N, C-alpha and C. Protein backbone atom coordinates (compact mmCIF):
# COMPACT_ATOMS: atom_id res chain seq x y z
N MET A 1 116.35 114.60 116.59
CA MET A 1 115.49 113.24 116.52
C MET A 1 116.75 112.22 116.92
N MET A 2 117.88 111.98 116.57
CA MET A 2 118.47 111.04 117.34
C MET A 2 118.70 110.65 118.51
N LYS A 3 118.21 112.24 119.82
CA LYS A 3 118.63 112.00 120.51
C LYS A 3 117.33 111.50 121.02
N SER A 4 116.35 111.83 120.99
CA SER A 4 114.67 111.71 120.82
C SER A 4 114.59 110.26 120.74
N ALA A 5 115.38 109.99 119.78
CA ALA A 5 115.19 107.98 119.93
C ALA A 5 116.06 107.25 120.84
N ILE A 6 117.11 108.21 121.02
CA ILE A 6 118.03 107.20 122.04
C ILE A 6 117.40 107.58 123.43
N LYS A 7 116.75 108.24 123.29
CA LYS A 7 116.12 108.56 125.12
C LYS A 7 114.63 107.91 124.97
N LEU A 8 114.14 107.45 123.94
CA LEU A 8 113.11 106.56 123.73
C LEU A 8 113.25 105.22 123.92
N ALA A 9 114.83 104.83 123.16
CA ALA A 9 115.16 103.33 123.69
C ALA A 9 115.30 103.16 124.84
N THR A 10 116.07 104.07 125.50
CA THR A 10 116.36 103.77 126.69
C THR A 10 115.31 104.00 128.20
N LEU A 11 114.54 104.58 127.47
CA LEU A 11 113.20 104.82 128.84
C LEU A 11 112.41 103.27 128.47
N ALA A 12 112.61 102.96 126.81
CA ALA A 12 111.77 101.67 126.91
C ALA A 12 112.62 100.69 127.68
N LEU A 13 113.83 100.67 127.50
CA LEU A 13 114.57 99.50 128.07
C LEU A 13 114.80 99.71 130.37
N PHE A 14 114.54 100.54 130.47
CA PHE A 14 114.13 100.83 131.77
C PHE A 14 112.59 100.49 132.47
N SER A 15 112.14 100.92 131.55
CA SER A 15 110.33 100.48 132.04
C SER A 15 110.05 99.09 132.06
N MET A 16 110.89 98.08 130.94
CA MET A 16 111.16 96.64 130.82
C MET A 16 111.76 96.14 131.92
N ALA A 17 112.65 96.73 132.42
CA ALA A 17 113.59 96.22 133.53
C ALA A 17 112.66 96.27 134.92
N LEU A 18 112.15 97.78 134.89
CA LEU A 18 111.22 97.93 136.02
C LEU A 18 110.45 96.75 135.95
N ILE A 19 109.39 96.54 134.76
CA ILE A 19 108.65 95.65 134.98
C ILE A 19 108.86 94.24 135.14
N ALA A 20 110.10 93.74 134.82
CA ALA A 20 110.53 92.31 134.90
C ALA A 20 110.93 92.24 136.44
N SER A 21 111.59 93.07 136.95
CA SER A 21 111.92 93.14 138.38
C SER A 21 110.72 92.81 139.60
N PRO A 22 110.41 91.78 140.06
CA PRO A 22 109.37 91.85 141.27
C PRO A 22 109.80 93.15 142.52
N PRO A 23 108.82 93.76 142.78
CA PRO A 23 108.62 94.81 143.80
C PRO A 23 109.11 94.49 144.75
N SER A 24 110.45 95.02 145.66
CA SER A 24 111.03 94.69 146.98
C SER A 24 110.55 95.05 148.08
N VAL A 25 109.80 96.21 147.92
CA VAL A 25 109.04 97.00 149.20
C VAL A 25 107.51 96.76 149.21
N PRO A 26 107.32 97.69 150.04
CA PRO A 26 105.67 96.98 150.50
C PRO A 26 105.13 98.13 149.64
N ALA A 27 103.84 98.51 149.41
CA ALA A 27 103.33 99.36 148.05
C ALA A 27 103.00 100.78 148.25
N PHE A 28 102.63 101.29 147.63
CA PHE A 28 102.33 102.65 147.52
C PHE A 28 100.97 103.22 147.65
N ALA A 29 100.62 103.71 148.74
CA ALA A 29 99.29 104.02 148.94
C ALA A 29 98.40 105.14 147.88
N ALA A 30 98.05 104.86 147.05
CA ALA A 30 97.67 106.09 146.20
C ALA A 30 96.78 107.04 146.97
N GLY A 31 95.99 106.54 148.12
CA GLY A 31 95.37 107.61 148.85
C GLY A 31 93.57 106.39 148.71
N GLY A 32 93.43 105.37 148.42
CA GLY A 32 92.23 105.00 148.46
C GLY A 32 91.59 104.31 149.69
N GLY A 33 91.91 105.36 150.32
CA GLY A 33 90.27 105.38 151.91
C GLY A 33 91.36 104.85 152.80
N GLY A 34 92.91 104.93 152.63
CA GLY A 34 93.25 104.70 153.60
C GLY A 34 93.86 102.68 153.50
N ASP A 35 93.45 102.02 152.55
CA ASP A 35 93.38 100.39 152.01
C ASP A 35 94.98 100.01 152.31
N PRO A 36 95.26 99.19 152.45
CA PRO A 36 96.77 99.11 152.68
C PRO A 36 97.11 98.90 151.17
N PRO A 37 98.84 99.44 150.77
CA PRO A 37 99.30 99.30 149.72
C PRO A 37 99.11 98.14 149.24
N SER A 38 99.62 98.55 147.48
CA SER A 38 99.57 96.90 146.84
C SER A 38 100.55 97.09 145.86
N ALA A 39 101.29 98.00 145.87
CA ALA A 39 102.19 97.80 144.93
C ALA A 39 103.87 98.83 145.45
N ALA A 40 104.57 98.61 144.77
CA ALA A 40 106.00 99.55 145.24
C ALA A 40 105.57 101.14 145.20
N PRO A 41 105.95 101.70 145.90
CA PRO A 41 105.90 103.14 146.01
C PRO A 41 106.38 103.63 144.61
N PRO A 42 106.13 104.49 143.99
CA PRO A 42 106.80 105.27 142.90
C PRO A 42 107.68 106.31 143.57
N PRO A 43 108.61 106.57 142.76
CA PRO A 43 109.78 108.02 143.12
C PRO A 43 109.23 108.87 143.66
N PRO A 44 109.33 109.54 144.63
CA PRO A 44 108.43 110.54 145.44
C PRO A 44 107.65 111.58 144.16
N ASP A 45 108.18 111.80 143.48
CA ASP A 45 107.90 112.74 142.44
C ASP A 45 106.82 112.46 141.34
N SER A 46 106.86 110.90 141.32
CA SER A 46 105.93 110.33 139.60
C SER A 46 104.78 110.56 139.74
N ARG A 47 104.02 111.04 140.82
CA ARG A 47 102.36 111.31 140.53
C ARG A 47 102.27 112.67 140.49
N SER A 48 102.88 113.17 139.86
CA SER A 48 102.98 114.73 139.40
C SER A 48 102.69 114.74 137.86
N ALA A 49 102.12 115.26 137.55
CA ALA A 49 101.87 115.69 135.98
C ALA A 49 103.18 115.73 135.31
N PRO A 50 103.71 115.14 134.18
CA PRO A 50 104.29 114.99 133.30
C PRO A 50 105.39 116.68 133.13
N LYS A 51 106.68 116.87 133.57
CA LYS A 51 107.28 118.43 132.99
C LYS A 51 107.83 117.94 131.77
N SER A 52 108.25 119.30 131.42
CA SER A 52 108.60 119.39 130.06
C SER A 52 109.87 119.90 130.18
N THR A 53 109.94 120.28 130.97
CA THR A 53 111.69 120.42 131.07
C THR A 53 112.82 119.36 130.93
N SER A 54 113.88 119.63 130.48
CA SER A 54 115.38 118.88 130.23
C SER A 54 116.07 119.16 131.53
N LYS A 55 115.93 117.55 132.07
CA LYS A 55 117.11 117.69 133.34
C LYS A 55 117.98 117.19 133.16
N LYS A 56 119.35 117.97 133.36
CA LYS A 56 120.89 117.83 133.50
C LYS A 56 120.97 116.42 133.97
N LYS A 57 121.95 115.49 133.52
CA LYS A 57 122.42 114.26 133.96
C LYS A 57 123.13 114.45 135.12
N LYS A 58 123.54 113.59 136.12
CA LYS A 58 124.08 113.73 137.33
C LYS A 58 125.59 112.82 136.72
N SER A 59 126.52 113.17 137.12
CA SER A 59 127.76 112.79 136.44
C SER A 59 128.52 112.25 137.24
N THR A 60 128.28 112.10 138.53
CA THR A 60 129.21 111.35 139.75
C THR A 60 128.94 110.06 140.07
N LYS A 61 129.36 109.51 140.45
CA LYS A 61 128.98 108.13 141.11
C LYS A 61 128.34 108.27 142.75
N GLN A 62 128.60 109.37 143.20
CA GLN A 62 127.68 109.54 144.31
C GLN A 62 126.82 110.14 144.05
N SER A 63 126.52 111.04 143.25
CA SER A 63 124.84 111.45 143.55
C SER A 63 124.03 109.91 143.12
N SER A 64 124.74 109.24 141.96
CA SER A 64 124.11 107.82 142.24
C SER A 64 123.69 107.16 143.43
N ALA A 65 124.85 107.30 144.36
CA ALA A 65 124.54 106.24 145.75
C ALA A 65 123.91 107.40 146.23
N ASP A 66 123.62 108.80 146.52
CA ASP A 66 122.84 109.35 147.39
C ASP A 66 121.97 108.78 146.83
N ASP A 67 121.29 109.01 145.16
CA ASP A 67 119.98 108.74 144.73
C ASP A 67 119.46 107.49 145.37
N ALA A 68 120.19 106.77 145.27
CA ALA A 68 119.84 105.40 145.89
C ALA A 68 119.73 105.39 147.37
N ASP A 69 120.49 105.76 147.93
CA ASP A 69 119.76 105.83 149.23
C ASP A 69 118.52 106.71 149.75
N PHE A 70 118.48 107.63 148.86
CA PHE A 70 117.07 108.32 149.29
C PHE A 70 116.21 107.53 148.69
N ARG A 71 116.28 106.86 147.72
CA ARG A 71 115.06 105.83 147.42
C ARG A 71 114.58 105.12 148.41
N GLN A 72 115.73 104.47 149.09
CA GLN A 72 115.82 103.55 149.92
C GLN A 72 115.15 103.97 151.63
N GLY A 73 115.05 104.87 152.01
CA GLY A 73 114.94 105.93 153.08
C GLY A 73 113.86 106.03 152.98
N TYR A 74 112.94 106.46 151.70
CA TYR A 74 111.72 106.87 151.37
C TYR A 74 110.75 105.97 151.68
N ARG A 75 111.47 104.73 150.72
CA ARG A 75 110.81 103.30 150.84
C ARG A 75 110.65 102.95 152.31
N ALA A 76 111.87 102.94 153.21
CA ALA A 76 111.59 103.05 154.70
C ALA A 76 110.28 103.45 155.40
N ALA A 77 110.55 104.92 155.00
CA ALA A 77 109.28 105.17 155.95
C ALA A 77 108.47 105.42 155.16
N HIS A 78 108.16 104.91 154.25
CA HIS A 78 106.79 105.07 153.15
C HIS A 78 105.92 103.08 154.23
N ALA A 79 107.32 102.71 154.19
CA ALA A 79 106.48 101.24 155.14
C ALA A 79 106.29 101.81 156.14
N THR A 80 107.10 102.35 157.33
CA THR A 80 106.36 102.78 158.58
C THR A 80 105.32 103.46 158.58
N ILE A 81 104.89 104.22 157.19
CA ILE A 81 103.48 105.21 157.71
C ILE A 81 102.62 104.02 157.43
N TYR A 82 102.50 103.06 156.05
CA TYR A 82 101.39 102.37 155.66
C TYR A 82 101.45 101.30 156.14
N GLN A 83 102.65 100.60 156.60
CA GLN A 83 102.41 99.48 157.00
C GLN A 83 102.37 99.33 158.60
N ARG A 84 103.11 100.40 159.51
CA ARG A 84 102.75 99.99 160.94
C ARG A 84 102.57 101.07 161.37
N ASN A 85 101.82 102.30 160.77
CA ASN A 85 101.52 103.33 161.13
C ASN A 85 101.77 104.11 162.17
N ASP A 86 103.25 104.29 161.80
CA ASP A 86 104.08 105.00 163.05
C ASP A 86 104.70 106.08 162.47
N TYR A 87 103.26 106.81 162.25
CA TYR A 87 103.29 108.29 161.99
C TYR A 87 104.81 109.16 162.52
N ALA A 88 104.91 109.44 163.90
CA ALA A 88 105.89 109.71 164.78
C ALA A 88 107.64 109.81 163.95
N ALA A 89 107.68 108.36 163.66
CA ALA A 89 108.90 107.46 163.44
C ALA A 89 108.98 108.12 161.91
N ALA A 90 108.07 107.66 161.28
CA ALA A 90 108.23 108.13 159.69
C ALA A 90 108.31 109.55 159.31
N ILE A 91 107.82 110.33 160.42
CA ILE A 91 108.24 112.00 160.14
C ILE A 91 110.14 112.20 160.37
N GLU A 92 109.95 111.35 161.37
CA GLU A 92 112.11 111.35 161.65
C GLU A 92 112.72 111.17 160.22
N GLN A 93 112.34 109.75 159.74
CA GLN A 93 112.77 109.29 158.55
C GLN A 93 112.84 109.99 157.62
N LEU A 94 111.83 110.56 157.53
CA LEU A 94 111.74 111.56 156.00
C LEU A 94 112.25 112.59 156.07
N LYS A 95 112.22 113.45 157.69
CA LYS A 95 113.72 114.86 157.43
C LYS A 95 114.90 114.23 157.44
N ALA A 96 115.35 113.27 158.41
CA ALA A 96 116.60 112.97 157.75
C ALA A 96 117.00 112.46 156.55
N LEU A 97 116.08 112.36 155.47
CA LEU A 97 116.72 111.97 154.58
C LEU A 97 117.25 113.40 153.62
N GLY A 98 116.80 114.63 154.03
CA GLY A 98 117.16 116.15 153.32
C GLY A 98 116.70 116.65 152.62
N ARG A 99 115.51 116.07 152.44
CA ARG A 99 115.38 116.17 151.23
C ARG A 99 113.28 117.37 151.22
N ASP A 100 113.53 117.86 152.09
CA ASP A 100 112.32 118.36 152.58
C ASP A 100 111.09 119.69 151.67
N ASP A 101 112.02 119.74 150.30
CA ASP A 101 111.53 120.29 149.46
C ASP A 101 111.38 119.54 148.51
N ASN A 102 111.14 118.20 148.61
CA ASN A 102 110.50 117.49 147.65
C ASN A 102 109.45 117.13 147.83
N ALA A 103 108.53 117.03 146.80
CA ALA A 103 107.10 117.12 146.85
C ALA A 103 106.28 115.72 147.50
N GLY A 104 106.94 114.53 147.39
CA GLY A 104 106.54 113.17 147.73
C GLY A 104 106.80 113.15 149.12
N VAL A 105 108.27 113.98 149.66
CA VAL A 105 108.66 114.08 150.80
C VAL A 105 107.78 114.66 152.01
N ALA A 106 107.74 116.15 151.34
CA ALA A 106 106.70 116.61 152.18
C ALA A 106 105.49 116.48 152.31
N ASN A 107 104.65 115.99 151.09
CA ASN A 107 103.41 115.40 151.05
C ASN A 107 103.09 114.21 152.45
N LEU A 108 104.22 113.17 152.52
CA LEU A 108 104.25 112.09 153.32
C LEU A 108 104.07 112.62 155.02
N ILE A 109 105.01 113.97 154.83
CA ILE A 109 105.18 114.23 156.11
C ILE A 109 104.14 115.08 156.93
N GLY A 110 103.10 115.70 155.69
CA GLY A 110 102.06 116.07 155.84
C GLY A 110 101.24 115.10 156.24
N TYR A 111 100.99 114.25 155.78
CA TYR A 111 100.30 113.20 156.13
C TYR A 111 100.57 112.63 157.20
N SER A 112 101.37 112.11 157.77
CA SER A 112 101.59 111.82 158.72
C SER A 112 101.49 113.02 159.86
N TYR A 113 101.43 114.24 159.80
CA TYR A 113 101.49 114.95 161.01
C TYR A 113 99.38 115.05 161.17
N ARG A 114 98.80 114.79 160.35
CA ARG A 114 97.51 114.93 159.87
C ARG A 114 96.97 113.51 160.80
N LYS A 115 97.60 112.68 160.79
CA LYS A 115 97.04 111.26 161.42
C LYS A 115 97.27 111.57 162.59
N LEU A 116 98.47 111.88 162.98
CA LEU A 116 98.91 112.31 164.35
C LEU A 116 97.72 113.49 165.17
N GLY A 117 96.86 114.45 164.32
CA GLY A 117 96.17 115.03 164.59
C GLY A 117 96.75 116.49 164.49
N ASP A 118 97.92 116.74 164.23
CA ASP A 118 98.39 117.85 164.23
C ASP A 118 98.11 118.35 162.78
N TYR A 119 96.96 119.37 162.81
CA TYR A 119 96.43 119.86 161.19
C TYR A 119 97.22 121.04 160.87
N LYS A 120 97.75 122.12 161.99
CA LYS A 120 98.47 123.27 161.43
C LYS A 120 99.89 122.66 160.73
N LEU A 121 100.66 121.94 161.20
CA LEU A 121 101.97 121.22 161.03
C LEU A 121 101.55 120.52 159.69
N SER A 122 100.29 119.81 159.63
CA SER A 122 99.84 119.13 158.33
C SER A 122 99.88 120.17 157.11
N GLN A 123 99.23 120.90 157.23
CA GLN A 123 98.61 122.01 156.65
C GLN A 123 100.20 122.85 156.03
N ALA A 124 100.95 123.13 156.45
CA ALA A 124 102.36 123.64 156.61
C ALA A 124 103.12 122.62 155.26
N TRP A 125 103.06 121.31 155.55
CA TRP A 125 103.80 120.44 155.12
C TRP A 125 103.30 120.39 153.96
N TYR A 126 101.77 120.42 153.29
CA TYR A 126 101.01 119.85 152.49
C TYR A 126 101.35 121.23 151.31
N GLU A 127 100.90 122.43 151.68
CA GLU A 127 101.51 123.69 151.28
C GLU A 127 102.94 123.52 150.72
N ARG A 128 103.78 123.12 151.72
CA ARG A 128 105.63 123.04 151.14
C ARG A 128 105.28 122.32 149.72
N ALA A 129 104.64 120.60 149.36
CA ALA A 129 104.64 120.20 148.64
C ALA A 129 104.19 120.83 147.49
N LEU A 130 102.91 121.34 147.44
CA LEU A 130 102.33 121.86 146.41
C LEU A 130 102.88 122.87 146.07
N LYS A 131 104.03 123.70 146.91
CA LYS A 131 105.15 124.84 146.19
C LYS A 131 106.20 124.12 145.57
N ALA A 132 106.49 122.82 145.71
CA ALA A 132 107.51 121.96 145.24
C ALA A 132 107.38 121.63 143.85
N ASP A 133 106.08 121.26 143.50
CA ASP A 133 105.18 120.60 142.41
C ASP A 133 103.96 121.23 142.55
N PRO A 134 103.51 122.28 142.12
CA PRO A 134 101.94 122.09 141.66
C PRO A 134 100.82 121.25 141.37
N ASN A 135 101.46 120.24 140.81
CA ASN A 135 100.70 119.21 139.88
C ASN A 135 100.81 118.04 140.67
N HIS A 136 101.27 118.05 142.00
CA HIS A 136 101.61 116.54 142.67
C HIS A 136 99.95 116.13 142.66
N VAL A 137 99.52 115.23 142.44
CA VAL A 137 98.17 114.95 142.32
C VAL A 137 98.06 114.19 144.11
N LEU A 138 98.97 113.42 144.68
CA LEU A 138 98.40 113.11 145.31
C LEU A 138 98.43 113.90 146.69
N THR A 139 99.40 114.43 146.97
CA THR A 139 98.81 115.88 148.14
C THR A 139 97.63 116.63 147.52
N TRP A 140 97.21 117.03 146.56
CA TRP A 140 95.83 117.60 146.16
C TRP A 140 94.96 116.62 146.77
N GLN A 141 94.71 115.10 146.79
CA GLN A 141 93.90 114.36 147.58
C GLN A 141 94.23 114.17 148.50
N TYR A 142 95.41 114.35 149.32
CA TYR A 142 95.86 114.55 150.95
C TYR A 142 95.16 115.75 151.25
N TYR A 143 95.69 116.78 150.94
CA TYR A 143 94.90 118.15 151.12
C TYR A 143 93.50 118.42 150.82
N GLY A 144 93.29 117.56 150.14
CA GLY A 144 91.52 117.72 149.57
C GLY A 144 90.85 117.47 151.01
N LEU A 145 91.23 115.83 151.34
CA LEU A 145 91.15 114.73 152.73
C LEU A 145 90.86 115.94 154.09
N TRP A 146 92.20 116.45 153.98
CA TRP A 146 92.54 117.46 155.36
C TRP A 146 91.35 118.66 155.29
N GLN A 147 91.28 118.67 154.03
CA GLN A 147 90.03 120.06 154.20
C GLN A 147 88.65 119.17 154.44
N ILE A 148 88.53 118.16 154.15
CA ILE A 148 87.16 117.69 154.61
C ILE A 148 86.99 117.59 156.09
N GLU A 149 88.24 116.79 156.26
CA GLU A 149 88.11 116.53 157.96
C GLU A 149 88.11 118.11 158.77
N GLN A 150 88.48 119.59 158.15
CA GLN A 150 88.44 120.57 158.93
C GLN A 150 86.92 121.18 158.70
N GLY A 151 85.82 120.53 157.77
CA GLY A 151 85.10 120.95 157.55
C GLY A 151 84.88 122.20 156.09
N ASN A 152 85.89 122.27 155.68
CA ASN A 152 86.06 122.81 154.34
C ASN A 152 85.57 122.26 152.74
N ARG A 153 84.41 122.24 152.97
CA ARG A 153 84.26 121.60 151.80
C ARG A 153 83.89 121.69 150.46
N ASP A 154 84.01 123.29 150.84
CA ASP A 154 83.76 123.93 149.06
C ASP A 154 85.48 123.95 148.54
N GLN A 155 86.36 124.16 149.80
CA GLN A 155 87.75 124.03 149.37
C GLN A 155 88.25 122.55 148.97
N ALA A 156 87.93 121.38 149.86
CA ALA A 156 87.86 120.07 149.17
C ALA A 156 87.45 119.88 148.07
N SER A 157 86.42 120.52 147.31
CA SER A 157 85.78 120.52 145.76
C SER A 157 86.95 121.17 145.21
N TYR A 158 87.57 122.51 145.51
CA TYR A 158 88.49 122.86 144.68
C TYR A 158 89.65 121.93 144.08
N HIS A 159 90.28 121.31 145.22
CA HIS A 159 91.34 120.26 144.99
C HIS A 159 90.68 119.34 144.00
N LEU A 160 89.57 118.87 144.60
CA LEU A 160 89.09 117.93 143.38
C LEU A 160 89.13 118.43 141.81
N THR A 161 88.52 119.67 141.57
CA THR A 161 89.12 120.21 140.31
C THR A 161 90.31 120.21 140.21
N ARG A 162 91.25 120.56 141.30
CA ARG A 162 92.39 120.56 140.83
C ARG A 162 93.13 119.32 140.05
N ILE A 163 92.48 118.04 141.01
CA ILE A 163 92.77 116.85 140.70
C ILE A 163 92.46 116.47 139.03
N ALA A 164 91.55 116.84 139.08
CA ALA A 164 90.80 116.40 137.49
C ALA A 164 91.72 117.31 136.20
N ALA A 165 92.02 118.19 137.16
CA ALA A 165 92.56 118.83 135.63
C ALA A 165 94.25 118.17 135.60
N ILE A 166 94.70 117.65 136.40
CA ILE A 166 95.65 116.89 136.42
C ILE A 166 96.14 115.56 135.80
N CYS A 167 94.93 114.98 136.31
CA CYS A 167 94.96 113.47 135.84
C CYS A 167 94.01 112.99 135.23
N GLY A 168 92.73 114.03 135.53
CA GLY A 168 91.28 113.22 134.82
C GLY A 168 90.48 112.91 135.67
N THR A 169 89.19 112.42 135.64
CA THR A 169 88.27 111.85 136.93
C THR A 169 88.21 110.80 137.01
N GLY A 170 89.50 109.48 136.01
CA GLY A 170 89.40 108.25 136.48
C GLY A 170 90.55 107.97 137.26
N CYS A 171 91.16 108.71 137.58
CA CYS A 171 92.31 108.37 138.63
C CYS A 171 92.04 108.15 140.02
N GLU A 172 92.64 107.11 140.61
CA GLU A 172 92.22 106.59 141.74
C GLU A 172 92.30 107.82 142.91
N GLU A 173 93.36 108.73 142.69
CA GLU A 173 92.95 110.12 143.69
C GLU A 173 91.93 110.98 143.42
N TYR A 174 91.30 111.28 142.11
CA TYR A 174 90.08 111.43 142.03
C TYR A 174 88.70 111.14 142.76
N ARG A 175 88.94 109.86 142.21
CA ARG A 175 87.63 109.01 142.64
C ARG A 175 87.95 108.81 144.18
N SER A 176 88.75 108.92 145.36
CA SER A 176 88.99 108.61 146.53
C SER A 176 88.59 110.01 147.17
N LEU A 177 88.85 111.29 146.66
CA LEU A 177 88.53 112.47 147.25
C LEU A 177 87.08 112.55 146.94
N ALA A 178 86.43 112.49 145.59
CA ALA A 178 85.07 112.48 145.49
C ALA A 178 84.26 111.65 145.98
N ALA A 179 84.46 110.40 146.33
CA ALA A 179 83.79 109.55 147.45
C ALA A 179 83.72 110.28 148.68
N ALA A 180 84.91 110.95 149.49
CA ALA A 180 85.07 111.44 150.46
C ALA A 180 83.66 112.66 150.53
N LEU A 181 84.11 113.35 149.46
CA LEU A 181 82.84 114.63 149.68
C LEU A 181 81.24 114.11 149.58
N GLU A 182 81.45 113.09 148.67
CA GLU A 182 79.74 112.52 148.86
C GLU A 182 79.20 112.16 149.79
N LYS A 183 79.96 112.09 151.42
CA LYS A 183 79.70 111.49 152.19
C LYS A 183 79.19 112.61 153.09
N PRO A 184 78.35 112.54 154.01
CA PRO A 184 77.17 114.07 155.04
C PRO A 184 78.39 114.38 155.56
N PRO A 185 78.49 115.70 155.76
CA PRO A 185 79.47 116.08 156.99
C PRO A 185 79.26 115.68 157.59
N GLY A 186 80.42 115.47 158.96
CA GLY A 186 80.09 115.13 160.27
C GLY A 186 80.35 113.18 159.87
N THR A 187 80.55 112.86 159.00
CA THR A 187 80.69 111.39 158.97
C THR A 187 81.68 111.40 159.53
N GLY A 188 82.14 110.38 160.33
CA GLY A 188 83.55 109.81 160.86
C GLY A 188 84.38 109.52 159.57
N LEU A 189 84.96 110.39 158.94
CA LEU A 189 86.20 110.02 157.67
C LEU A 189 87.60 109.56 158.07
N VAL A 190 87.89 108.12 157.93
CA VAL A 190 89.34 107.80 158.39
C VAL A 190 89.94 107.44 157.39
N TYR A 191 90.83 108.27 156.77
CA TYR A 191 91.80 108.44 155.75
C TYR A 191 93.12 108.36 156.26
């Protein structure tokens, strides 16, 4: 009981600190049709469903520095994608992070390959992201858009049901993919 209270208090303090500090990086695109991002990107795996497993705390200062370096590198790659539309450079930045098994990283690599028109590599990276985290909502959305671009509307509908199961029908990822599915086949989607 005491551990839960301490964890809750720590989470509350951390949340207040995040809210109080202004974002210092470009926004995270939730996939709203390719619109410019409007808020700082969350940590790479925060768009998935909550996990019930407990995680061990990292005990060294080095791992904390590594995490800070990772977050900074991830945000830089995010800006390269969503602000500069330099997908090839973003792929290199993301791969340089050395965390290809991270769902957020793999998803952005897949997104970048899709934007470059390499659908085979894009698919492989989306599948890697979903293997790392089967509840990574943004990957289901982006992979659903990939399916639409490939003419696989039934498969995109399946992706939509997965999103609904994870975050409901009111989340941005669901609304974006549903809107794309409502458009007639052959419509030049740009996402």
